[in-house]
Every structure is written in C-alpha cells, then in structure tokens.
C-alpha cells in the first residue's frame, strides 16, 4: 500500500524501542520489504515525521499512524508532551520537532 514506510516510536513504555523497531523491520523484510528502499528506521518520531515530509514528492500523501488524538508519548514510566499535528506542522516548515527523549544523541530508550 505504501511506497515507503518509516518505522518509529509510538509509546514504547518500558519496552526497548530498538528491539521493537528491529522486530517490525524483520517482519517487513520477511514480507519482501527492503530496508532503504521500501522502509527506513527512524527511532525519534519527530525526525521520522520530518523525514517523511522530505521524501514526499508532489502528489504524494504522508500519513502518520499510531498517535491520533493522543497528546503524549510514554518512555519508561514518564509521559512526554507530544502532538503529531504539531510535529507535522514543524516538519512542513523545515524543522523536525525534537522534544522527545529519543531526539537526544545519547538517548537509550
């Protein structure tokens, strides 16, 4: 259905985000997806949404899934303010929204 899928964070809570992304990637590859061609891994959701807008060409549709109306993301036991609409608006203005713990270079979530 999609030309490109970006695997990213969506409330990992106490689970290891890298493990979640790896498992999703393995499942996609088993179904014939090719990393770098039909999917990418971008753990930080703000960067993932930004990446999607950068890849989009005229006539393309960018869809963010998983958060909808929710106003936070949970890492560990901490809820961080988050809004996909704000992230998309920021990305369309040329800047990723970097407010989650995964946005830090030293992030280990």
N, C-alpha and C. Protein backbone atom coordinates (compact mmCIF):
# COMPACT_ATOMS: atom_id res chain seq x y z
N UNK A 1 0.80 -1.20 0.00
CA UNK A 1 0.00 0.00 0.00
C UNK A 1 0.84 1.26 0.00
N UNK A 2 1.98 1.23 0.68
CA UNK A 2 2.83 2.42 0.77
C UNK A 2 4.10 2.21 -0.03
N UNK A 3 4.57 3.28 -0.67
CA UNK A 3 5.85 3.21 -1.36
C UNK A 3 6.99 3.20 -0.36
N UNK A 4 6.82 3.91 0.76
CA UNK A 4 7.85 3.99 1.79
C UNK A 4 7.17 3.99 3.16
N UNK A 5 7.74 3.22 4.06
CA UNK A 5 7.28 3.17 5.45
C UNK A 5 8.44 3.57 6.34
N UNK A 6 8.17 4.39 7.33
CA UNK A 6 9.20 4.76 8.30
C UNK A 6 8.78 4.20 9.65
N UNK A 7 9.61 3.33 10.19
CA UNK A 7 9.34 2.71 11.49
C UNK A 7 9.88 3.65 12.56
N UNK A 8 9.04 3.97 13.55
CA UNK A 8 9.43 4.92 14.58
C UNK A 8 8.77 4.60 15.92
N UNK A 9 9.04 5.44 16.89
CA UNK A 9 8.50 5.26 18.25
C UNK A 9 7.01 5.55 18.29
N UNK A 10 6.32 4.77 19.13
CA UNK A 10 4.90 5.01 19.41
C UNK A 10 4.62 4.40 20.78
N UNK A 11 4.85 5.17 21.83
CA UNK A 11 4.62 4.71 23.21
C UNK A 11 5.32 3.39 23.54
N UNK A 12 6.65 3.36 23.51
CA UNK A 12 7.33 2.10 23.84
C UNK A 12 7.21 1.71 25.31
N UNK A 13 6.88 2.69 26.15
CA UNK A 13 6.75 2.46 27.59
C UNK A 13 8.03 1.81 28.13
N UNK A 14 7.94 0.67 28.78
CA UNK A 14 9.12 0.05 29.38
C UNK A 14 9.81 -0.94 28.43
N UNK A 15 9.27 -1.10 27.22
CA UNK A 15 9.90 -1.98 26.24
C UNK A 15 11.07 -1.26 25.58
N UNK A 16 12.03 -2.01 25.07
CA UNK A 16 13.18 -1.45 24.39
C UNK A 16 12.78 -1.02 22.99
N UNK A 17 12.90 0.28 22.71
CA UNK A 17 12.48 0.82 21.42
C UNK A 17 13.25 0.19 20.27
N UNK A 18 14.56 0.02 20.41
CA UNK A 18 15.34 -0.58 19.33
C UNK A 18 14.87 -1.99 19.03
N UNK A 19 14.51 -2.75 20.06
CA UNK A 19 14.02 -4.11 19.86
C UNK A 19 12.67 -4.11 19.14
N UNK A 20 11.80 -3.18 19.50
CA UNK A 20 10.50 -3.07 18.83
C UNK A 20 10.71 -2.77 17.35
N UNK A 21 11.57 -1.81 17.06
CA UNK A 21 11.83 -1.42 15.68
C UNK A 21 12.47 -2.57 14.91
N UNK A 22 13.41 -3.27 15.53
CA UNK A 22 14.07 -4.41 14.88
C UNK A 22 13.06 -5.50 14.55
N UNK A 23 12.18 -5.81 15.47
CA UNK A 23 11.17 -6.84 15.24
C UNK A 23 10.23 -6.44 14.10
N UNK A 24 9.83 -5.19 14.07
CA UNK A 24 8.97 -4.70 13.00
C UNK A 24 9.70 -4.79 11.66
N UNK A 25 10.97 -4.40 11.64
CA UNK A 25 11.76 -4.46 10.41
C UNK A 25 11.90 -5.91 9.92
N UNK A 26 12.16 -6.83 10.84
CA UNK A 26 12.29 -8.24 10.46
C UNK A 26 11.00 -8.76 9.84
N UNK A 27 9.88 -8.40 10.41
CA UNK A 27 8.59 -8.82 9.87
C UNK A 27 8.38 -8.25 8.47
N UNK A 28 8.72 -6.99 8.29
CA UNK A 28 8.57 -6.36 6.98
C UNK A 28 9.48 -7.03 5.96
N UNK A 29 10.72 -7.32 6.35
CA UNK A 29 11.65 -7.98 5.44
C UNK A 29 11.16 -9.37 5.07
N UNK A 30 10.58 -10.07 6.01
CA UNK A 30 10.03 -11.40 5.73
C UNK A 30 8.91 -11.33 4.70
N UNK A 31 8.25 -10.18 4.64
CA UNK A 31 7.18 -9.97 3.66
C UNK A 31 7.69 -9.33 2.37
N UNK A 32 9.02 -9.20 2.23
CA UNK A 32 9.60 -8.70 0.99
C UNK A 32 10.03 -7.25 0.99
N UNK A 33 9.86 -6.55 2.09
CA UNK A 33 10.30 -5.15 2.15
C UNK A 33 11.82 -5.08 2.16
N UNK A 34 12.35 -4.00 1.61
CA UNK A 34 13.80 -3.82 1.51
C UNK A 34 14.18 -2.53 2.24
N UNK A 35 15.01 -2.69 3.28
CA UNK A 35 15.43 -1.52 4.04
C UNK A 35 16.20 -0.55 3.15
N UNK A 36 15.85 0.71 3.26
CA UNK A 36 16.48 1.74 2.44
C UNK A 36 15.74 1.98 1.13
N UNK A 37 14.90 1.01 0.74
CA UNK A 37 14.12 1.17 -0.49
C UNK A 37 12.62 1.29 -0.21
N UNK A 38 12.11 0.41 0.64
CA UNK A 38 10.68 0.45 0.95
C UNK A 38 10.39 0.78 2.41
N UNK A 39 11.44 0.77 3.24
CA UNK A 39 11.26 1.21 4.62
C UNK A 39 12.56 1.71 5.20
N UNK A 40 12.42 2.56 6.22
CA UNK A 40 13.56 3.10 6.97
C UNK A 40 13.25 3.01 8.45
N UNK A 41 14.31 2.99 9.26
CA UNK A 41 14.17 3.02 10.71
C UNK A 41 14.59 4.41 11.19
N UNK A 42 13.70 5.12 11.84
CA UNK A 42 13.99 6.43 12.41
C UNK A 42 13.37 6.44 13.81
N UNK A 43 14.13 6.07 14.84
CA UNK A 43 13.57 5.92 16.18
C UNK A 43 12.88 7.16 16.74
N UNK A 44 13.41 8.34 16.48
CA UNK A 44 12.79 9.56 17.00
C UNK A 44 11.59 9.94 16.14
N UNK A 45 10.42 10.03 16.73
CA UNK A 45 9.20 10.30 15.97
C UNK A 45 9.22 11.66 15.28
N UNK A 46 9.77 12.68 15.92
CA UNK A 46 9.87 13.99 15.28
C UNK A 46 10.73 13.94 14.03
N UNK A 47 11.86 13.25 14.12
CA UNK A 47 12.73 13.10 12.95
C UNK A 47 12.07 12.22 11.88
N UNK A 48 11.31 11.21 12.31
CA UNK A 48 10.63 10.33 11.36
C UNK A 48 9.59 11.10 10.54
N UNK A 49 8.82 11.92 11.21
CA UNK A 49 7.81 12.72 10.51
C UNK A 49 8.49 13.72 9.58
N UNK A 50 9.56 14.33 10.05
CA UNK A 50 10.33 15.25 9.20
C UNK A 50 10.87 14.51 7.97
N UNK A 51 11.43 13.32 8.18
CA UNK A 51 11.97 12.52 7.08
C UNK A 51 10.88 12.21 6.06
N UNK A 52 9.71 11.86 6.52
CA UNK A 52 8.60 11.56 5.61
C UNK A 52 8.26 12.77 4.75
N UNK A 53 8.25 13.95 5.34
CA UNK A 53 7.93 15.15 4.55
C UNK A 53 9.04 15.46 3.56
N UNK A 54 10.27 15.13 3.91
CA UNK A 54 11.39 15.38 2.99
C UNK A 54 11.38 14.40 1.81
N UNK A 55 10.92 13.19 2.05
CA UNK A 55 10.85 12.18 0.98
C UNK A 55 9.67 12.41 0.04
N UNK A 56 8.63 13.05 0.53
CA UNK A 56 7.40 13.23 -0.25
C UNK A 56 7.64 14.09 -1.48
N UNK A 57 7.03 13.67 -2.56
CA UNK A 57 7.08 14.39 -3.83
C UNK A 57 5.69 14.96 -4.12
N UNK A 58 5.59 15.91 -5.04
CA UNK A 58 4.27 16.43 -5.40
C UNK A 58 3.33 15.27 -5.75
N UNK A 59 2.13 15.31 -5.19
CA UNK A 59 1.15 14.26 -5.43
C UNK A 59 1.18 13.14 -4.41
N UNK A 60 2.22 13.09 -3.57
CA UNK A 60 2.31 12.07 -2.53
C UNK A 60 1.44 12.44 -1.34
N UNK A 61 1.13 11.44 -0.54
CA UNK A 61 0.38 11.62 0.70
C UNK A 61 1.24 11.09 1.84
N UNK A 62 1.40 11.88 2.89
CA UNK A 62 2.12 11.45 4.09
C UNK A 62 1.09 11.18 5.17
N UNK A 63 1.14 9.98 5.73
CA UNK A 63 0.20 9.59 6.78
C UNK A 63 0.99 9.23 8.03
N UNK A 64 0.62 9.82 9.16
CA UNK A 64 1.22 9.43 10.44
C UNK A 64 0.19 8.58 11.17
N UNK A 65 0.62 7.43 11.66
CA UNK A 65 -0.28 6.49 12.31
C UNK A 65 0.16 6.18 13.73
N UNK A 66 -0.79 5.87 14.57
CA UNK A 66 -0.46 5.36 15.89
C UNK A 66 -0.75 6.30 17.04
N UNK A 67 -0.75 7.60 16.82
CA UNK A 67 -0.95 8.54 17.93
C UNK A 67 -2.30 9.24 17.87
N UNK A 68 -2.77 9.58 16.71
CA UNK A 68 -4.07 10.21 16.57
C UNK A 68 -4.28 11.40 17.48
N UNK A 69 -5.30 11.33 18.31
CA UNK A 69 -5.67 12.43 19.19
C UNK A 69 -4.82 12.50 20.46
N UNK A 70 -3.97 11.50 20.69
CA UNK A 70 -3.19 11.45 21.93
C UNK A 70 -2.25 12.65 22.03
N UNK A 71 -2.03 13.11 23.24
CA UNK A 71 -1.23 14.31 23.48
C UNK A 71 0.06 14.03 24.23
N UNK A 72 0.48 12.77 24.27
CA UNK A 72 1.73 12.44 24.94
C UNK A 72 2.29 11.14 24.40
N UNK A 73 3.58 10.91 24.71
CA UNK A 73 4.25 9.64 24.40
C UNK A 73 4.91 9.17 25.68
N UNK A 74 4.82 7.87 25.93
CA UNK A 74 5.35 7.31 27.16
C UNK A 74 6.67 6.58 26.89
N UNK A 75 7.70 7.00 27.60
CA UNK A 75 9.00 6.33 27.59
C UNK A 75 9.30 5.95 29.02
N UNK A 76 9.48 4.66 29.27
CA UNK A 76 9.62 4.20 30.65
C UNK A 76 8.29 4.41 31.34
N UNK A 77 8.31 5.17 32.41
CA UNK A 77 7.07 5.48 33.12
C UNK A 77 6.75 6.97 33.06
N UNK A 78 7.42 7.67 32.14
CA UNK A 78 7.25 9.12 32.02
C UNK A 78 6.47 9.44 30.74
N UNK A 79 5.44 10.27 30.90
CA UNK A 79 4.66 10.76 29.76
C UNK A 79 5.25 12.11 29.31
N UNK A 80 5.63 12.19 28.04
CA UNK A 80 6.17 13.43 27.48
C UNK A 80 5.12 14.06 26.58
N UNK A 81 4.96 15.39 26.66
CA UNK A 81 4.00 16.05 25.77
C UNK A 81 4.35 15.75 24.31
N UNK A 82 3.33 15.42 23.51
CA UNK A 82 3.56 15.12 22.10
C UNK A 82 2.26 15.30 21.33
N UNK A 83 2.39 15.84 20.11
CA UNK A 83 1.24 16.02 19.23
C UNK A 83 1.73 15.84 17.80
N UNK A 84 1.26 14.79 17.12
CA UNK A 84 1.67 14.54 15.74
C UNK A 84 1.35 15.72 14.83
N UNK A 85 0.26 16.42 15.11
CA UNK A 85 -0.10 17.57 14.27
C UNK A 85 0.95 18.67 14.37
N UNK A 86 1.43 18.92 15.59
CA UNK A 86 2.50 19.92 15.76
C UNK A 86 3.78 19.44 15.09
N UNK A 87 4.07 18.16 15.20
CA UNK A 87 5.28 17.61 14.57
C UNK A 87 5.21 17.75 13.06
N UNK A 88 4.05 17.50 12.49
CA UNK A 88 3.89 17.62 11.05
C UNK A 88 3.98 19.08 10.61
N UNK A 89 3.36 19.97 11.36
CA UNK A 89 3.45 21.40 11.04
C UNK A 89 4.90 21.87 11.08
N UNK A 90 5.63 21.46 12.11
CA UNK A 90 7.04 21.82 12.23
C UNK A 90 7.85 21.27 11.06
N UNK A 91 7.59 20.02 10.70
CA UNK A 91 8.31 19.39 9.59
C UNK A 91 8.04 20.11 8.28
N UNK A 92 6.80 20.49 8.06
CA UNK A 92 6.46 21.20 6.82
C UNK A 92 7.09 22.59 6.77
N UNK A 93 7.46 23.11 7.93
CA UNK A 93 8.16 24.40 8.00
C UNK A 93 9.67 24.22 7.91
N UNK A 94 10.11 22.97 7.79
CA UNK A 94 11.54 22.70 7.59
C UNK A 94 12.32 22.33 8.82
N UNK A 95 11.64 22.07 9.95
CA UNK A 95 12.33 21.72 11.19
C UNK A 95 11.66 20.52 11.85
N UNK A 96 12.43 19.50 12.21
CA UNK A 96 11.83 18.40 12.97
C UNK A 96 11.50 18.87 14.38
N UNK A 97 10.44 18.33 14.95
CA UNK A 97 10.07 18.62 16.34
C UNK A 97 10.88 17.69 17.23
N UNK A 98 11.81 18.25 17.99
CA UNK A 98 12.77 17.45 18.76
C UNK A 98 12.53 17.60 20.26
N UNK A 99 11.40 17.10 20.73
CA UNK A 99 11.05 17.26 22.14
C UNK A 99 11.03 15.96 22.92
N UNK A 100 11.20 14.83 22.26
CA UNK A 100 11.16 13.53 22.94
C UNK A 100 12.55 13.10 23.38
N UNK A 101 12.66 12.20 24.34
CA UNK A 101 13.99 11.75 24.78
C UNK A 101 14.80 11.10 23.66
N UNK A 102 14.15 10.56 22.66
CA UNK A 102 14.86 9.95 21.53
C UNK A 102 15.55 10.98 20.64
N UNK A 103 15.24 12.25 20.81
CA UNK A 103 15.85 13.30 20.00
C UNK A 103 17.27 13.61 20.44
N UNK A 104 17.62 13.20 21.66
CA UNK A 104 18.97 13.44 22.17
C UNK A 104 19.92 12.40 21.60
N UNK A 105 21.13 12.82 21.20
CA UNK A 105 22.10 11.87 20.64
C UNK A 105 22.43 10.72 21.59
N UNK A 106 22.43 10.99 22.90
CA UNK A 106 22.79 9.96 23.87
C UNK A 106 21.60 9.11 24.29
N UNK A 107 20.47 9.30 23.64
CA UNK A 107 19.24 8.60 24.04
C UNK A 107 19.41 7.09 23.98
N UNK A 108 18.97 6.46 25.04
CA UNK A 108 18.95 5.00 25.12
C UNK A 108 17.62 4.60 25.72
N UNK A 109 16.59 4.55 24.87
CA UNK A 109 15.24 4.26 25.37
C UNK A 109 14.71 2.97 24.79
